[in-house]
Amino acid sequence: MATAACLLEKAAGATQARGFLRELLGWAMVAPASNAAANAALELPFADLEDAMQVSAAIASHCQYVITRNLKDFVASPIPAMTPETFLASFPD
């Protein structure tokens, strides 16, 4: 969430970024990071620990997807990964 906020603030300003994030949090869940999730991440077959942490938090939160711009680093993910564009395209207008 912090990374998204930073990127959005740079692109659109703090007020618009916060408004967008409020709307997003109305239907999307931020997966919490815990000690258990961190330990589980250490056991996942990922070269990048940050990616493993994201997947571990997603598993702990029973998420259906990992949304990322970097699909190549998530081929070992037990949860399907998709780009933001693909995810958003799955919703009807």
N, C-alpha and C. Protein backbone atom coordinates (compact mmCIF):
# COMPACT_ATOMS: atom_id res chain seq x y z
N MET A 1 0.82 -1.18 0.00
CA MET A 1 0.00 0.00 0.00
C MET A 1 0.88 1.25 0.00
N ALA A 2 1.95 1.23 0.76
CA ALA A 2 2.82 2.40 0.82
C ALA A 2 3.46 2.68 -0.53
N THR A 3 3.87 1.64 -1.24
CA THR A 3 4.47 1.84 -2.56
C THR A 3 3.45 2.39 -3.53
N ALA A 4 2.24 1.85 -3.49
CA ALA A 4 1.18 2.35 -4.36
C ALA A 4 0.89 3.80 -4.05
N ALA A 5 0.81 4.15 -2.78
CA ALA A 5 0.54 5.53 -2.40
C ALA A 5 1.63 6.46 -2.92
N CYS A 6 2.87 6.06 -2.78
CA CYS A 6 3.99 6.88 -3.25
C CYS A 6 3.91 7.11 -4.75
N LEU A 7 3.66 6.04 -5.51
CA LEU A 7 3.58 6.17 -6.97
C LEU A 7 2.39 7.02 -7.39
N LEU A 8 1.26 6.82 -6.73
CA LEU A 8 0.06 7.58 -7.07
C LEU A 8 0.23 9.06 -6.73
N GLU A 9 0.85 9.34 -5.58
CA GLU A 9 1.07 10.74 -5.20
C GLU A 9 1.97 11.45 -6.20
N LYS A 10 2.99 10.76 -6.69
CA LYS A 10 3.88 11.36 -7.68
C LYS A 10 3.15 11.64 -8.98
N ALA A 11 2.24 10.74 -9.34
CA ALA A 11 1.53 10.86 -10.62
C ALA A 11 0.36 11.83 -10.55
N ALA A 12 -0.37 11.85 -9.42
CA ALA A 12 -1.63 12.59 -9.40
C ALA A 12 -1.79 13.54 -8.22
N GLY A 13 -0.85 13.54 -7.30
CA GLY A 13 -0.97 14.38 -6.12
C GLY A 13 -1.57 13.63 -4.95
N ALA A 14 -1.31 14.14 -3.75
CA ALA A 14 -1.72 13.44 -2.53
C ALA A 14 -3.23 13.32 -2.40
N THR A 15 -3.96 14.35 -2.73
CA THR A 15 -5.42 14.32 -2.55
C THR A 15 -6.05 13.26 -3.45
N GLN A 16 -5.69 13.26 -4.72
CA GLN A 16 -6.24 12.26 -5.65
C GLN A 16 -5.78 10.86 -5.28
N ALA A 17 -4.53 10.72 -4.88
CA ALA A 17 -4.00 9.40 -4.50
C ALA A 17 -4.78 8.83 -3.33
N ARG A 18 -5.02 9.64 -2.32
CA ARG A 18 -5.76 9.16 -1.15
C ARG A 18 -7.20 8.81 -1.50
N GLY A 19 -7.81 9.61 -2.34
CA GLY A 19 -9.17 9.30 -2.78
C GLY A 19 -9.23 7.98 -3.52
N PHE A 20 -8.28 7.78 -4.43
CA PHE A 20 -8.24 6.52 -5.16
C PHE A 20 -8.03 5.35 -4.22
N LEU A 21 -7.10 5.49 -3.26
CA LEU A 21 -6.82 4.40 -2.33
C LEU A 21 -8.02 4.10 -1.44
N ARG A 22 -8.76 5.12 -1.03
CA ARG A 22 -9.99 4.88 -0.25
C ARG A 22 -10.98 4.05 -1.06
N GLU A 23 -11.14 4.43 -2.32
CA GLU A 23 -12.06 3.68 -3.19
C GLU A 23 -11.58 2.24 -3.38
N LEU A 24 -10.30 2.08 -3.63
CA LEU A 24 -9.72 0.75 -3.81
C LEU A 24 -9.92 -0.12 -2.58
N LEU A 25 -9.70 0.45 -1.41
CA LEU A 25 -9.85 -0.31 -0.17
C LEU A 25 -11.30 -0.64 0.15
N GLY A 26 -12.22 -0.04 -0.60
CA GLY A 26 -13.63 -0.40 -0.46
C GLY A 26 -13.94 -1.78 -1.01
N TRP A 27 -13.09 -2.28 -1.89
CA TRP A 27 -13.36 -3.61 -2.46
C TRP A 27 -12.13 -4.51 -2.49
N ALA A 28 -10.95 -3.98 -2.27
CA ALA A 28 -9.73 -4.80 -2.28
C ALA A 28 -9.19 -4.90 -0.86
N MET A 29 -8.53 -6.00 -0.57
CA MET A 29 -7.98 -6.22 0.76
C MET A 29 -6.47 -6.11 0.71
N VAL A 30 -5.90 -5.47 1.70
CA VAL A 30 -4.45 -5.42 1.85
C VAL A 30 -4.08 -6.59 2.75
N ALA A 31 -3.24 -7.47 2.25
CA ALA A 31 -2.84 -8.64 3.02
C ALA A 31 -1.88 -8.24 4.12
N PRO A 32 -2.17 -8.64 5.35
CA PRO A 32 -1.26 -8.29 6.45
C PRO A 32 0.00 -9.15 6.42
N ALA A 33 1.08 -8.58 6.88
CA ALA A 33 2.33 -9.33 7.01
C ALA A 33 2.48 -9.71 8.48
N SER A 34 2.85 -10.93 8.73
CA SER A 34 3.00 -11.41 10.10
C SER A 34 4.31 -12.17 10.22
N ASN A 35 4.67 -12.48 11.43
CA ASN A 35 5.86 -13.29 11.67
C ASN A 35 5.71 -14.66 11.01
N ALA A 36 4.53 -15.24 11.12
CA ALA A 36 4.28 -16.55 10.50
C ALA A 36 4.41 -16.46 8.98
N ALA A 37 3.88 -15.38 8.39
CA ALA A 37 3.97 -15.22 6.94
C ALA A 37 5.43 -15.02 6.52
N ALA A 38 6.20 -14.29 7.32
CA ALA A 38 7.61 -14.08 7.01
C ALA A 38 8.38 -15.40 7.05
N ASN A 39 8.10 -16.22 8.05
CA ASN A 39 8.75 -17.53 8.13
C ASN A 39 8.34 -18.42 6.97
N ALA A 40 7.07 -18.38 6.59
CA ALA A 40 6.60 -19.17 5.45
C ALA A 40 7.26 -18.70 4.16
N ALA A 41 7.47 -17.40 4.04
CA ALA A 41 8.11 -16.84 2.84
C ALA A 41 9.52 -17.37 2.66
N LEU A 42 10.20 -17.58 3.76
CA LEU A 42 11.58 -18.10 3.69
C LEU A 42 11.63 -19.51 3.10
N GLU A 43 10.52 -20.21 3.12
CA GLU A 43 10.46 -21.58 2.60
C GLU A 43 9.99 -21.64 1.15
N LEU A 44 9.51 -20.54 0.61
CA LEU A 44 9.01 -20.54 -0.77
C LEU A 44 10.18 -20.48 -1.76
N PRO A 45 10.01 -21.10 -2.94
CA PRO A 45 11.10 -21.15 -3.92
C PRO A 45 11.23 -19.89 -4.77
N PHE A 46 11.48 -18.75 -4.12
CA PHE A 46 11.62 -17.48 -4.81
C PHE A 46 13.03 -16.96 -4.63
N ALA A 47 13.61 -16.38 -5.68
CA ALA A 47 14.92 -15.75 -5.58
C ALA A 47 14.83 -14.44 -4.80
N ASP A 48 13.70 -13.74 -4.94
CA ASP A 48 13.50 -12.44 -4.30
C ASP A 48 12.60 -12.61 -3.08
N LEU A 49 13.14 -12.29 -1.90
CA LEU A 49 12.37 -12.47 -0.67
C LEU A 49 11.14 -11.57 -0.63
N GLU A 50 11.21 -10.38 -1.23
CA GLU A 50 10.04 -9.50 -1.25
C GLU A 50 8.89 -10.17 -2.01
N ASP A 51 9.18 -10.81 -3.13
CA ASP A 51 8.15 -11.53 -3.88
C ASP A 51 7.59 -12.67 -3.03
N ALA A 52 8.46 -13.39 -2.35
CA ALA A 52 8.01 -14.48 -1.49
C ALA A 52 7.11 -13.97 -0.37
N MET A 53 7.45 -12.82 0.19
CA MET A 53 6.62 -12.22 1.24
C MET A 53 5.23 -11.88 0.71
N GLN A 54 5.17 -11.35 -0.51
CA GLN A 54 3.88 -11.01 -1.09
C GLN A 54 3.03 -12.25 -1.27
N VAL A 55 3.63 -13.31 -1.76
CA VAL A 55 2.89 -14.55 -1.97
C VAL A 55 2.48 -15.16 -0.63
N SER A 56 3.38 -15.15 0.33
CA SER A 56 3.06 -15.71 1.64
C SER A 56 1.91 -14.96 2.31
N ALA A 57 1.93 -13.64 2.23
CA ALA A 57 0.83 -12.84 2.78
C ALA A 57 -0.47 -13.13 2.03
N ALA A 58 -0.38 -13.31 0.72
CA ALA A 58 -1.57 -13.63 -0.08
C ALA A 58 -2.14 -15.00 0.32
N ILE A 59 -1.26 -15.96 0.54
CA ILE A 59 -1.72 -17.29 0.98
C ILE A 59 -2.42 -17.18 2.33
N ALA A 60 -1.80 -16.48 3.27
CA ALA A 60 -2.36 -16.34 4.62
C ALA A 60 -3.71 -15.62 4.60
N SER A 61 -3.90 -14.76 3.60
CA SER A 61 -5.14 -13.99 3.50
C SER A 61 -6.17 -14.64 2.58
N HIS A 62 -5.86 -15.82 2.07
CA HIS A 62 -6.76 -16.56 1.18
C HIS A 62 -7.09 -15.77 -0.09
N CYS A 63 -6.09 -15.08 -0.63
CA CYS A 63 -6.29 -14.30 -1.86
C CYS A 63 -6.40 -15.24 -3.06
N GLN A 64 -7.12 -14.78 -4.05
CA GLN A 64 -7.28 -15.56 -5.28
C GLN A 64 -6.17 -15.28 -6.27
N TYR A 65 -5.60 -14.08 -6.24
CA TYR A 65 -4.58 -13.67 -7.21
C TYR A 65 -3.51 -12.83 -6.54
N VAL A 66 -2.35 -12.82 -7.15
CA VAL A 66 -1.30 -11.85 -6.85
C VAL A 66 -1.28 -10.92 -8.06
N ILE A 67 -1.45 -9.63 -7.81
CA ILE A 67 -1.46 -8.66 -8.89
C ILE A 67 -0.08 -8.01 -8.94
N THR A 68 0.56 -8.12 -10.10
CA THR A 68 1.93 -7.62 -10.24
C THR A 68 2.20 -7.22 -11.68
N ARG A 69 3.14 -6.30 -11.85
CA ARG A 69 3.60 -5.96 -13.20
C ARG A 69 4.72 -6.89 -13.63
N ASN A 70 5.21 -7.71 -12.72
CA ASN A 70 6.39 -8.53 -12.96
C ASN A 70 6.03 -10.03 -12.91
N LEU A 71 5.32 -10.49 -13.90
CA LEU A 71 4.85 -11.88 -13.91
C LEU A 71 5.99 -12.90 -13.89
N LYS A 72 7.11 -12.57 -14.52
CA LYS A 72 8.19 -13.56 -14.63
C LYS A 72 8.74 -13.99 -13.27
N ASP A 73 8.65 -13.13 -12.28
CA ASP A 73 9.15 -13.49 -10.96
C ASP A 73 8.15 -14.29 -10.13
N PHE A 74 6.96 -14.51 -10.66
CA PHE A 74 5.92 -15.22 -9.91
C PHE A 74 5.51 -16.53 -10.55
N VAL A 75 6.35 -17.08 -11.42
CA VAL A 75 6.00 -18.35 -12.06
C VAL A 75 5.94 -19.48 -11.04
N ALA A 76 6.66 -19.38 -9.93
CA ALA A 76 6.64 -20.42 -8.89
C ALA A 76 5.53 -20.20 -7.86
N SER A 77 4.73 -19.18 -8.05
CA SER A 77 3.69 -18.86 -7.08
C SER A 77 2.58 -19.90 -7.08
N PRO A 78 2.19 -20.37 -5.90
CA PRO A 78 1.04 -21.27 -5.83
C PRO A 78 -0.29 -20.56 -6.04
N ILE A 79 -0.26 -19.23 -6.03
CA ILE A 79 -1.44 -18.41 -6.33
C ILE A 79 -1.21 -17.78 -7.70
N PRO A 80 -2.18 -17.84 -8.61
CA PRO A 80 -1.97 -17.25 -9.93
C PRO A 80 -1.62 -15.76 -9.84
N ALA A 81 -0.68 -15.35 -10.68
CA ALA A 81 -0.30 -13.95 -10.76
C ALA A 81 -0.82 -13.38 -12.08
N MET A 82 -1.26 -12.13 -12.04
CA MET A 82 -1.70 -11.46 -13.26
C MET A 82 -1.36 -9.98 -13.17
N THR A 83 -1.29 -9.37 -14.33
CA THR A 83 -0.99 -7.94 -14.37
C THR A 83 -2.21 -7.14 -13.92
N PRO A 84 -2.00 -5.90 -13.48
CA PRO A 84 -3.15 -5.07 -13.13
C PRO A 84 -4.11 -4.90 -14.30
N GLU A 85 -3.56 -4.78 -15.51
CA GLU A 85 -4.41 -4.61 -16.68
C GLU A 85 -5.30 -5.82 -16.92
N THR A 86 -4.72 -7.01 -16.80
CA THR A 86 -5.50 -8.24 -16.99
C THR A 86 -6.56 -8.37 -15.90
N PHE A 87 -6.17 -8.07 -14.67
CA PHE A 87 -7.12 -8.15 -13.56
C PHE A 87 -8.28 -7.21 -13.78
N LEU A 88 -8.01 -5.94 -14.11
CA LEU A 88 -9.08 -4.97 -14.32
C LEU A 88 -9.94 -5.31 -15.53
N ALA A 89 -9.33 -5.90 -16.55
CA ALA A 89 -10.10 -6.27 -17.75
C ALA A 89 -11.08 -7.40 -17.47
N SER A 90 -10.89 -8.11 -16.37
CA SER A 90 -11.79 -9.22 -16.04
C SER A 90 -13.12 -8.74 -15.45
N PHE A 91 -13.22 -7.43 -15.19
CA PHE A 91 -14.46 -6.86 -14.67
C PHE A 91 -15.22 -6.19 -15.80
N PRO A 92 -16.52 -6.43 -15.89
CA PRO A 92 -17.29 -5.77 -16.95
C PRO A 92 -17.40 -4.28 -16.68
N ASP A 93 -17.56 -3.52 -17.75
CA ASP A 93 -17.71 -2.05 -17.61
C ASP A 93 -18.99 -1.68 -16.94
